[in-house]
Amino acid sequence: MNADDKYLFDLTGYLVLKDVLTAEEVAQLNAGIDRHRDLMSEIDRPLSGDSQTMQGTSRRKDLGGMLAWESPWCEPFRKLLVHPRIKPYLEEFLGRGYRLDHGPGLIAMDTGCEGGLLHGGGVERKDISEVYFFKSDRIFTGLTVVEYLLADEGPGDGGVAVIPGSHKANLACPQSMIKWEKHQEHVLEVNGKAGDALIFTETLTHGTLPWTAAHERRALLYKFSPGTLSYGSGAHQTAYYDYIEDMTEEERAVMEAPHIRR
């Protein structure tokens, strides 16, 4: 991570890293998803609310549990816990000893899929688990998202969108903007190729625009927290305990419950 990345993340609340995954890694991850496609389910509630511009002909599909899949299908997903391109960024933003808060989870969208209302923002922080501040020449964040693109997301396709700089906003986002009905010029559709990765603080106002591309959208999300904080319920230490034992030492460390690492 260089000084430019640090400045841009603090300025905008997100970074797009190009070519994080090789074509082979993308193929392996997609193959695992295809193998377990019968476990994918459409969400049972609309994410577009009453927005007139977020509506669609279908709903988002979700898939989780990849870390517990049988070998070899679980292996490429486990490697992303400590990916060499991503780890330095997480250690910079979250500190050494960062942990997986929840996920990974796949978001899949077919052509015509509805969007998801924008949410988050500096003024809407619930507690320190979503903190963002700068002190002593370093960035401090709470819950932080790494989103791996497993399919291209080009201009006009829809998909993930953010309001740059909103992680430091002092006023609530207008409802018309949350619904993507007004001020659309300030909502940025984030584009990238399969293999790219988006890193953003959960505090950033973000959401999903309706999917218009002919191919299925596939975005794989991992959500991390500092080693001493938790945003999610910490289920990795209970229901997932058995499969954690099969991980490498470095991967297991990321799965630990919050605690002070001495």
C-alpha atoms as a PDB file:
ATOM      1  CA  MET A   1       0.000   0.000   0.000  1.00  0.00           C
ATOM      2  CA  ASN A   2       1.371   3.396  -0.966  1.00  0.00           C
ATOM      3  CA  ALA A   3       0.712   7.009   0.047  1.00  0.00           C
ATOM      4  CA  ASP A   4      -1.645   7.567  -2.899  1.00  0.00           C
ATOM      5  CA  ASP A   5      -3.859   4.658  -1.823  1.00  0.00           C
ATOM      6  CA  LYS A   6      -3.918   5.922   1.743  1.00  0.00           C
ATOM      7  CA  TYR A   7      -4.919   9.429   0.656  1.00  0.00           C
ATOM      8  CA  LEU A   8      -7.599   8.225  -1.762  1.00  0.00           C
ATOM      9  CA  PHE A   9      -9.150   5.851   0.764  1.00  0.00           C
ATOM     10  CA  ASP A  10      -9.326   8.600   3.365  1.00  0.00           C
ATOM     11  CA  LEU A  11     -10.751  11.021   0.788  1.00  0.00           C
ATOM     12  CA  THR A  12     -13.362   8.752  -0.805  1.00  0.00           C
ATOM     13  CA  GLY A  13     -13.899   5.817   1.584  1.00  0.00           C
ATOM     14  CA  TYR A  14     -13.077   3.152  -1.010  1.00  0.00           C
ATOM     15  CA  LEU A  15     -10.407   1.791  -3.352  1.00  0.00           C
ATOM     16  CA  VAL A  16     -10.576  -0.335  -6.498  1.00  0.00           C
ATOM     17  CA  LEU A  17      -7.588  -2.659  -6.857  1.00  0.00           C
ATOM     18  CA  LYS A  18      -7.025  -4.055 -10.326  1.00  0.00           C
ATOM     19  CA  ASP A  19      -6.146  -7.660 -11.170  1.00  0.00           C
ATOM     20  CA  VAL A  20      -6.085  -8.897  -7.583  1.00  0.00           C
ATOM     21  CA  LEU A  21      -7.180 -12.354  -8.719  1.00  0.00           C
ATOM     22  CA  THR A  22      -5.733 -14.222 -11.664  1.00  0.00           C
ATOM     23  CA  ALA A  23      -7.990 -15.642 -14.372  1.00  0.00           C
ATOM     24  CA  GLU A  24      -7.322 -19.086 -12.888  1.00  0.00           C
ATOM     25  CA  GLU A  25      -8.388 -17.968  -9.400  1.00  0.00           C
ATOM     26  CA  VAL A  26     -11.587 -16.405 -10.769  1.00  0.00           C
ATOM     27  CA  ALA A  27     -12.327 -19.640 -12.641  1.00  0.00           C
ATOM     28  CA  GLN A  28     -11.767 -21.734  -9.490  1.00  0.00           C
ATOM     29  CA  LEU A  29     -14.073 -19.542  -7.408  1.00  0.00           C
ATOM     30  CA  ASN A  30     -16.781 -19.588 -10.071  1.00  0.00           C
ATOM     31  CA  ALA A  31     -16.441 -23.354 -10.442  1.00  0.00           C
ATOM     32  CA  GLY A  32     -17.068 -23.779  -6.716  1.00  0.00           C
ATOM     33  CA  ILE A  33     -20.151 -21.566  -6.958  1.00  0.00           C
ATOM     34  CA  ASP A  34     -21.437 -23.517  -9.942  1.00  0.00           C
ATOM     35  CA  ARG A  35     -20.869 -26.782  -8.055  1.00  0.00           C
ATOM     36  CA  HIS A  36     -23.045 -25.525  -5.153  1.00  0.00           C
ATOM     37  CA  ARG A  37     -25.514 -23.498  -7.167  1.00  0.00           C
ATOM     38  CA  ASP A  38     -28.429 -25.522  -5.779  1.00  0.00           C
ATOM     39  CA  LEU A  39     -27.726 -23.872  -2.406  1.00  0.00           C
ATOM     40  CA  MET A  40     -28.202 -20.391  -3.863  1.00  0.00           C
ATOM     41  CA  SER A  41     -31.479 -18.756  -2.851  1.00  0.00           C
ATOM     42  CA  GLU A  42     -33.377 -15.623  -3.791  1.00  0.00           C
ATOM     43  CA  ILE A  43     -33.827 -13.244  -0.878  1.00  0.00           C
ATOM     44  CA  ASP A  44     -37.325 -13.192   0.579  1.00  0.00           C
ATOM     45  CA  ARG A  45     -37.778  -9.437   0.728  1.00  0.00           C
ATOM     46  CA  PRO A  46     -37.379  -6.564  -1.738  1.00  0.00           C
ATOM     47  CA  LEU A  47     -34.282  -4.425  -1.259  1.00  0.00           C
ATOM     48  CA  SER A  48     -35.568  -1.596  -3.457  1.00  0.00           C
ATOM     49  CA  GLY A  49     -38.206  -0.407  -0.984  1.00  0.00           C
ATOM     50  CA  ASP A  50     -40.635   2.032  -2.559  1.00  0.00           C
ATOM     51  CA  SER A  51     -38.002   3.569  -4.829  1.00  0.00           C
ATOM     52  CA  GLN A  52     -39.312   4.197  -8.311  1.00  0.00           C
ATOM     53  CA  THR A  53     -35.845   3.865  -9.872  1.00  0.00           C
ATOM     54  CA  MET A  54     -34.573   0.769  -8.040  1.00  0.00           C
ATOM     55  CA  GLN A  55     -37.359  -1.607  -9.107  1.00  0.00           C
ATOM     56  CA  GLY A  56     -36.662  -4.755 -11.140  1.00  0.00           C
ATOM     57  CA  THR A  57     -38.127  -7.985 -12.438  1.00  0.00           C
ATOM     58  CA  SER A  58     -36.271 -10.257  -9.989  1.00  0.00           C
ATOM     59  CA  ARG A  59     -34.529 -10.180  -6.624  1.00  0.00           C
ATOM     60  CA  ARG A  60     -30.946 -10.728  -5.578  1.00  0.00           C
ATOM     61  CA  LYS A  61     -29.682 -14.265  -4.989  1.00  0.00           C
ATOM     62  CA  ASP A  62     -27.378 -15.114  -2.075  1.00  0.00           C
ATOM     63  CA  LEU A  63     -24.974 -17.951  -1.362  1.00  0.00           C
ATOM     64  CA  GLY A  64     -22.805 -18.520   1.695  1.00  0.00           C
ATOM     65  CA  GLY A  65     -20.953 -21.215   3.612  1.00  0.00           C
ATOM     66  CA  MET A  66     -18.021 -21.463   1.191  1.00  0.00           C
ATOM     67  CA  LEU A  67     -15.391 -21.854   3.905  1.00  0.00           C
ATOM     68  CA  ALA A  68     -17.062 -25.078   5.056  1.00  0.00           C
ATOM     69  CA  TRP A  69     -17.440 -26.658   1.618  1.00  0.00           C
ATOM     70  CA  GLU A  70     -15.721 -29.929   0.922  1.00  0.00           C
ATOM     71  CA  SER A  71     -12.197 -29.894  -0.504  1.00  0.00           C
ATOM     72  CA  PRO A  72     -11.103 -28.730  -3.032  1.00  0.00           C
ATOM     73  CA  TRP A  73     -14.050 -26.326  -3.454  1.00  0.00           C
ATOM     74  CA  CYS A  74     -13.456 -24.509  -0.160  1.00  0.00           C
ATOM     75  CA  GLU A  75      -9.761 -23.886  -0.743  1.00  0.00           C
ATOM     76  CA  PRO A  76      -9.822 -20.839  -3.072  1.00  0.00           C
ATOM     77  CA  PHE A  77     -12.319 -19.118  -0.745  1.00  0.00           C
ATOM     78  CA  ARG A  78     -10.151 -19.758   2.313  1.00  0.00           C
ATOM     79  CA  LYS A  79      -7.111 -18.296   0.604  1.00  0.00           C
ATOM     80  CA  LEU A  80      -8.924 -14.970   0.295  1.00  0.00           C
ATOM     81  CA  LEU A  81      -8.851 -14.588   4.078  1.00  0.00           C
ATOM     82  CA  VAL A  82      -5.160 -13.689   3.827  1.00  0.00           C
ATOM     83  CA  HIS A  83      -4.702 -12.773   0.174  1.00  0.00           C
ATOM     84  CA  PRO A  84      -1.225 -11.235  -0.286  1.00  0.00           C
ATOM     85  CA  ARG A  85      -2.572  -8.244  -2.259  1.00  0.00           C
ATOM     86  CA  ILE A  86      -5.337  -7.503   0.232  1.00  0.00           C
ATOM     87  CA  LYS A  87      -3.690  -8.285   3.578  1.00  0.00           C
ATOM     88  CA  PRO A  88      -1.488  -5.123   3.667  1.00  0.00           C
ATOM     89  CA  TYR A  89      -4.565  -2.924   3.166  1.00  0.00           C
ATOM     90  CA  LEU A  90      -6.507  -4.645   5.930  1.00  0.00           C
ATOM     91  CA  GLU A  91      -3.561  -4.384   8.295  1.00  0.00           C
ATOM     92  CA  GLU A  92      -3.230  -0.684   7.461  1.00  0.00           C
ATOM     93  CA  PHE A  93      -6.913   0.080   8.026  1.00  0.00           C
ATOM     94  CA  LEU A  94      -7.814  -2.451  10.749  1.00  0.00           C
ATOM     95  CA  GLY A  95      -4.459  -3.166  12.360  1.00  0.00           C
ATOM     96  CA  ARG A  96      -2.519  -6.398  12.585  1.00  0.00           C
ATOM     97  CA  GLY A  97      -4.651  -9.252  13.843  1.00  0.00           C
ATOM     98  CA  TYR A  98      -7.707  -8.244  11.832  1.00  0.00           C
ATOM     99  CA  ARG A  99     -10.508 -10.814  11.846  1.00  0.00           C
ATOM    100  CA  LEU A 100     -13.286 -12.000   9.579  1.00  0.00           C
ATOM    101  CA  ASP A 101     -16.434 -10.482  11.037  1.00  0.00           C
ATOM    102  CA  HIS A 102     -18.873 -12.269   8.738  1.00  0.00           C
ATOM    103  CA  GLY A 103     -19.052 -13.830   5.318  1.00  0.00           C
ATOM    104  CA  PRO A 104     -17.951 -14.689   2.787  1.00  0.00           C
ATOM    105  CA  GLY A 105     -21.157 -14.340   0.857  1.00  0.00           C
ATOM    106  CA  LEU A 106     -21.970 -14.215  -2.829  1.00  0.00           C
ATOM    107  CA  ILE A 107     -24.362 -11.678  -4.322  1.00  0.00           C
ATOM    108  CA  ALA A 108     -25.728 -12.832  -7.690  1.00  0.00           C
ATOM    109  CA  MET A 109     -28.008 -10.758  -9.924  1.00  0.00           C
ATOM    110  CA  ASP A 110     -29.718 -11.711 -13.178  1.00  0.00           C
ATOM    111  CA  THR A 111     -30.608  -9.262 -15.931  1.00  0.00           C
ATOM    112  CA  GLY A 112     -33.364  -6.978 -14.672  1.00  0.00           C
ATOM    113  CA  CYS A 113     -32.649  -7.608 -10.980  1.00  0.00           C
ATOM    114  CA  GLU A 114     -33.789  -4.846  -8.643  1.00  0.00           C
ATOM    115  CA  GLY A 115     -31.335  -2.543  -6.906  1.00  0.00           C
ATOM    116  CA  GLY A 116     -30.775  -2.132  -3.187  1.00  0.00           C
ATOM    117  CA  LEU A 117     -31.340   1.144  -1.341  1.00  0.00           C
ATOM    118  CA  LEU A 118     -28.252   3.122  -0.355  1.00  0.00           C
ATOM    119  CA  HIS A 119     -27.339   2.890   3.313  1.00  0.00           C
ATOM    120  CA  GLY A 120     -24.601   3.877   5.734  1.00  0.00           C
ATOM    121  CA  GLY A 121     -22.848   7.204   6.045  1.00  0.00           C
ATOM    122  CA  GLY A 122     -20.776   9.139   8.547  1.00  0.00           C
ATOM    123  CA  VAL A 123     -23.728  10.500  10.476  1.00  0.00           C
ATOM    124  CA  GLU A 124     -25.420   7.094  10.695  1.00  0.00           C
ATOM    125  CA  ARG A 125     -22.736   5.225  12.650  1.00  0.00           C
ATOM    126  CA  LYS A 126     -24.457   3.117  15.271  1.00  0.00           C
ATOM    127  CA  ASP A 127     -21.445   2.523  17.511  1.00  0.00           C
ATOM    128  CA  ILE A 128     -17.683   2.048  17.432  1.00  0.00           C
ATOM    129  CA  SER A 129     -18.001  -1.144  15.346  1.00  0.00           C
ATOM    130  CA  GLU A 130     -18.569   1.153  12.330  1.00  0.00           C
ATOM    131  CA  VAL A 131     -16.058   3.809  13.333  1.00  0.00           C
ATOM    132  CA  TYR A 132     -13.972   5.845  10.886  1.00  0.00           C
ATOM    133  CA  PHE A 133     -11.391   8.402  11.968  1.00  0.00           C
ATOM    134  CA  PHE A 134      -7.821   9.547  11.288  1.00  0.00           C
ATOM    135  CA  LYS A 135      -5.284  10.047  14.058  1.00  0.00           C
ATOM    136  CA  SER A 136      -1.489  10.020  14.418  1.00  0.00           C
ATOM    137  CA  ASP A 137      -0.997   9.651  10.666  1.00  0.00           C
ATOM    138  CA  ARG A 138      -3.075   6.521  10.328  1.00  0.00           C
ATOM    139  CA  ILE A 139      -6.581   5.478   9.373  1.00  0.00           C
ATOM    140  CA  PHE A 140      -8.821   3.687  11.874  1.00  0.00           C
ATOM    141  CA  THR A 141     -11.869   1.840  10.580  1.00  0.00           C
ATOM    142  CA  GLY A 142     -14.443  -0.529  11.964  1.00  0.00           C
ATOM    143  CA  LEU A 143     -16.253  -2.990   9.703  1.00  0.00           C
ATOM    144  CA  THR A 144     -14.526  -3.011   6.308  1.00  0.00           C
ATOM    145  CA  VAL A 145     -15.689  -4.783   3.158  1.00  0.00           C
ATOM    146  CA  VAL A 146     -13.606  -6.529   0.511  1.00  0.00           C
ATOM    147  CA  GLU A 147     -15.689  -7.235  -2.588  1.00  0.00           C
ATOM    148  CA  TYR A 148     -14.141  -9.492  -5.229  1.00  0.00           C
ATOM    149  CA  LEU A 149     -15.651  -9.185  -8.694  1.00  0.00           C
ATOM    150  CA  LEU A 150     -16.169 -12.623 -10.254  1.00  0.00           C
ATOM    151  CA  ALA A 151     -17.829 -11.116 -13.345  1.00  0.00           C
ATOM    152  CA  ASP A 152     -17.286  -7.846 -15.205  1.00  0.00           C
ATOM    153  CA  GLU A 153     -19.210  -4.780 -14.026  1.00  0.00           C
ATOM    154  CA  GLY A 154     -19.005  -2.235 -16.825  1.00  0.00           C
ATOM    155  CA  PRO A 155     -20.421   1.270 -17.295  1.00  0.00           C
ATOM    156  CA  GLY A 156     -24.200   1.225 -17.191  1.00  0.00           C
ATOM    157  CA  ASP A 157     -24.406  -2.388 -15.961  1.00  0.00           C
ATOM    158  CA  GLY A 158     -25.501  -1.412 -12.456  1.00  0.00           C
ATOM    159  CA  GLY A 159     -24.145  -3.237  -9.437  1.00  0.00           C
ATOM    160  CA  VAL A 160     -22.297  -1.714  -6.517  1.00  0.00           C
ATOM    161  CA  ALA A 161     -22.544   2.067  -6.108  1.00  0.00           C
ATOM    162  CA  VAL A 162     -21.148   4.504  -3.539  1.00  0.00           C
ATOM    163  CA  ILE A 163     -21.320   8.160  -2.556  1.00  0.00           C
ATOM    164  CA  PRO A 164     -17.616   9.089  -2.380  1.00  0.00           C
ATOM    165  CA  GLY A 165     -16.620  10.845   0.833  1.00  0.00           C
ATOM    166  CA  SER A 166     -19.897  10.066   2.615  1.00  0.00           C
ATOM    167  CA  HIS A 167     -18.081   8.093   5.320  1.00  0.00           C
ATOM    168  CA  LYS A 168     -17.203  11.486   6.831  1.00  0.00           C
ATOM    169  CA  ALA A 169     -20.606  13.114   6.280  1.00  0.00           C
ATOM    170  CA  ASN A 170     -22.037  15.105   9.189  1.00  0.00           C
ATOM    171  CA  LEU A 171     -25.620  15.214   7.921  1.00  0.00           C
ATOM    172  CA  ALA A 172     -28.068  12.480   6.969  1.00  0.00           C
ATOM    173  CA  CYS A 173     -28.304  11.496   3.311  1.00  0.00           C
ATOM    174  CA  PRO A 174     -31.564  12.787   1.734  1.00  0.00           C
ATOM    175  CA  GLN A 175     -34.189  10.061   1.327  1.00  0.00           C
ATOM    176  CA  SER A 176     -34.538  10.870  -2.362  1.00  0.00           C
ATOM    177  CA  MET A 177     -30.815  10.153  -2.781  1.00  0.00           C
ATOM    178  CA  ILE A 178     -31.022   6.921  -0.775  1.00  0.00           C
ATOM    179  CA  LYS A 179     -33.729   5.831  -3.212  1.00  0.00           C
ATOM    180  CA  TRP A 180     -31.579   6.906  -6.199  1.00  0.00           C
ATOM    181  CA  GLU A 181     -34.396   9.153  -7.358  1.00  0.00           C
ATOM    182  CA  LYS A 182     -32.543  12.487  -7.082  1.00  0.00           C
ATOM    183  CA  HIS A 183     -28.929  13.664  -7.062  1.00  0.00           C
ATOM    184  CA  GLN A 184     -27.945  10.618  -9.117  1.00  0.00           C
ATOM    185  CA  GLU A 185     -24.895  12.462 -10.437  1.00  0.00           C
ATOM    186  CA  HIS A 186     -23.348  12.114  -6.958  1.00  0.00           C
ATOM    187  CA  VAL A 187     -23.922   8.351  -6.770  1.00  0.00           C
ATOM    188  CA  LEU A 188     -20.980   6.581  -8.398  1.00  0.00           C
ATOM    189  CA  GLU A 189     -21.448   3.217 -10.108  1.00  0.00           C
ATOM    190  CA  VAL A 190     -18.176   1.411  -9.383  1.00  0.00           C
ATOM    191  CA  ASN A 191     -16.922  -0.479 -12.426  1.00  0.00           C
ATOM    192  CA  GLY A 192     -14.337  -3.225 -12.681  1.00  0.00           C
ATOM    193  CA  LYS A 193     -13.312  -6.442 -14.377  1.00  0.00           C
ATOM    194  CA  ALA A 194     -13.545  -9.983 -13.061  1.00  0.00           C
ATOM    195  CA  GLY A 195     -10.555 -10.346 -10.727  1.00  0.00           C
ATOM    196  CA  ASP A 196     -10.638  -6.766  -9.449  1.00  0.00           C
ATOM    197  CA  ALA A 197     -11.379  -6.043  -5.785  1.00  0.00           C
ATOM    198  CA  LEU A 198     -13.210  -3.170  -4.132  1.00  0.00           C
ATOM    199  CA  ILE A 199     -12.327  -2.237  -0.542  1.00  0.00           C
ATOM    200  CA  PHE A 200     -14.593   0.140   1.336  1.00  0.00           C
ATOM    201  CA  THR A 201     -15.480   1.106   4.870  1.00  0.00           C
ATOM    202  CA  GLU A 202     -18.992   0.020   5.849  1.00  0.00           C
ATOM    203  CA  THR A 203     -19.483   3.600   7.034  1.00  0.00           C
ATOM    204  CA  LEU A 204     -19.456   4.750   3.396  1.00  0.00           C
ATOM    205  CA  THR A 205     -22.948   5.276   1.950  1.00  0.00           C
ATOM    206  CA  HIS A 206     -23.324   2.442  -0.540  1.00  0.00           C
ATOM    207  CA  GLY A 207     -25.886   0.225  -2.231  1.00  0.00           C
ATOM    208  CA  THR A 208     -26.655  -1.619  -5.442  1.00  0.00           C
ATOM    209  CA  LEU A 209     -28.057  -0.274  -8.697  1.00  0.00           C
ATOM    210  CA  PRO A 210     -30.442  -2.389 -10.821  1.00  0.00           C
ATOM    211  CA  TRP A 211     -28.529  -4.934 -12.927  1.00  0.00           C
ATOM    212  CA  THR A 212     -28.908  -4.397 -16.680  1.00  0.00           C
ATOM    213  CA  ALA A 213     -26.067  -6.482 -18.162  1.00  0.00           C
ATOM    214  CA  ALA A 214     -26.842  -9.662 -20.104  1.00  0.00           C
ATOM    215  CA  HIS A 215     -24.615 -11.815 -17.883  1.00  0.00           C
ATOM    216  CA  GLU A 216     -25.079 -12.771 -14.236  1.00  0.00           C
ATOM    217  CA  ARG A 217     -23.478 -10.472 -11.724  1.00  0.00           C
ATOM    218  CA  ARG A 218     -21.281 -12.254  -9.188  1.00  0.00           C
ATOM    219  CA  ALA A 219     -19.748 -10.304  -6.313  1.00  0.00           C
ATOM    220  CA  LEU A 220     -18.050 -12.131  -3.425  1.00  0.00           C
ATOM    221  CA  LEU A 221     -18.000 -10.191  -0.143  1.00  0.00           C
ATOM    222  CA  TYR A 222     -15.786 -10.656   2.908  1.00  0.00           C
ATOM    223  CA  LYS A 223     -16.370  -8.321   5.868  1.00  0.00           C
ATOM    224  CA  PHE A 224     -13.532  -7.736   8.315  1.00  0.00           C
ATOM    225  CA  SER A 225     -13.200  -5.983  11.677  1.00  0.00           C
ATOM    226  CA  PRO A 226     -10.279  -4.996  13.914  1.00  0.00           C
ATOM    227  CA  GLY A 227      -9.105  -7.861  16.091  1.00  0.00           C
ATOM    228  CA  THR A 228     -10.732  -6.395  19.222  1.00  0.00           C
ATOM    229  CA  LEU A 229     -14.121  -5.472  17.698  1.00  0.00           C
ATOM    230  CA  SER A 230     -17.173  -7.298  16.389  1.00  0.00           C
ATOM    231  CA  TYR A 231     -20.049  -6.094  14.242  1.00  0.00           C
ATOM    232  CA  GLY A 232     -21.594  -9.505  13.554  1.00  0.00           C
ATOM    233  CA  SER A 233     -22.638 -12.210  16.006  1.00  0.00           C
ATOM    234  CA  GLY A 234     -19.374 -14.147  15.926  1.00  0.00           C
ATOM    235  CA  ALA A 235     -20.833 -17.442  14.694  1.00  0.00           C
ATOM    236  CA  HIS A 236     -17.437 -18.512  13.355  1.00  0.00           C
ATOM    237  CA  GLN A 237     -16.508 -19.755  16.799  1.00  0.00           C
ATOM    238  CA  THR A 238     -19.562 -21.997  17.201  1.00  0.00           C
ATOM    239  CA  ALA A 239     -21.305 -23.465  14.179  1.00  0.00           C
ATOM    240  CA  TYR A 240     -18.161 -23.278  12.055  1.00  0.00           C
ATOM    241  CA  TYR A 241     -15.695 -24.615  14.591  1.00  0.00           C
ATOM    242  CA  ASP A 242     -15.097 -28.013  12.966  1.00  0.00           C
ATOM    243  CA  TYR A 243     -14.003 -26.674   9.595  1.00  0.00           C
ATOM    244  CA  ILE A 244     -11.753 -24.041  11.158  1.00  0.00           C
ATOM    245  CA  GLU A 245      -9.536 -26.885  12.359  1.00  0.00           C
ATOM    246  CA  ASP A 246      -8.730 -27.799   8.744  1.00  0.00           C
ATOM    247  CA  MET A 247      -7.450 -24.318   7.900  1.00  0.00           C
ATOM    248  CA  THR A 248      -3.870 -23.136   7.858  1.00  0.00           C
ATOM    249  CA  GLU A 249      -2.598 -21.412  10.994  1.00  0.00           C
ATOM    250  CA  GLU A 250      -2.755 -18.009   9.302  1.00  0.00           C
ATOM    251  CA  GLU A 251      -6.327 -18.602   8.108  1.00  0.00           C
ATOM    252  CA  ARG A 252      -7.443 -19.812  11.555  1.00  0.00           C
ATOM    253  CA  ALA A 253      -6.091 -16.632  13.127  1.00  0.00           C
ATOM    254  CA  VAL A 254      -8.452 -14.548  10.967  1.00  0.00           C
ATOM    255  CA  MET A 255     -11.382 -16.634  12.217  1.00  0.00           C
ATOM    256  CA  GLU A 256     -10.762 -15.955  15.916  1.00  0.00           C
ATOM    257  CA  ALA A 257     -13.245 -14.196  18.160  1.00  0.00           C
ATOM    258  CA  PRO A 258     -12.459 -10.586  19.196  1.00  0.00           C
ATOM    259  CA  HIS A 259      -9.746 -10.290  21.811  1.00  0.00           C
ATOM    260  CA  ILE A 260      -6.597  -8.322  22.621  1.00  0.00           C
ATOM    261  CA  ARG A 261      -3.650  -9.982  20.889  1.00  0.00           C
ATOM    262  CA  ARG A 262      -0.572  -9.599  23.070  1.00  0.00           C
END
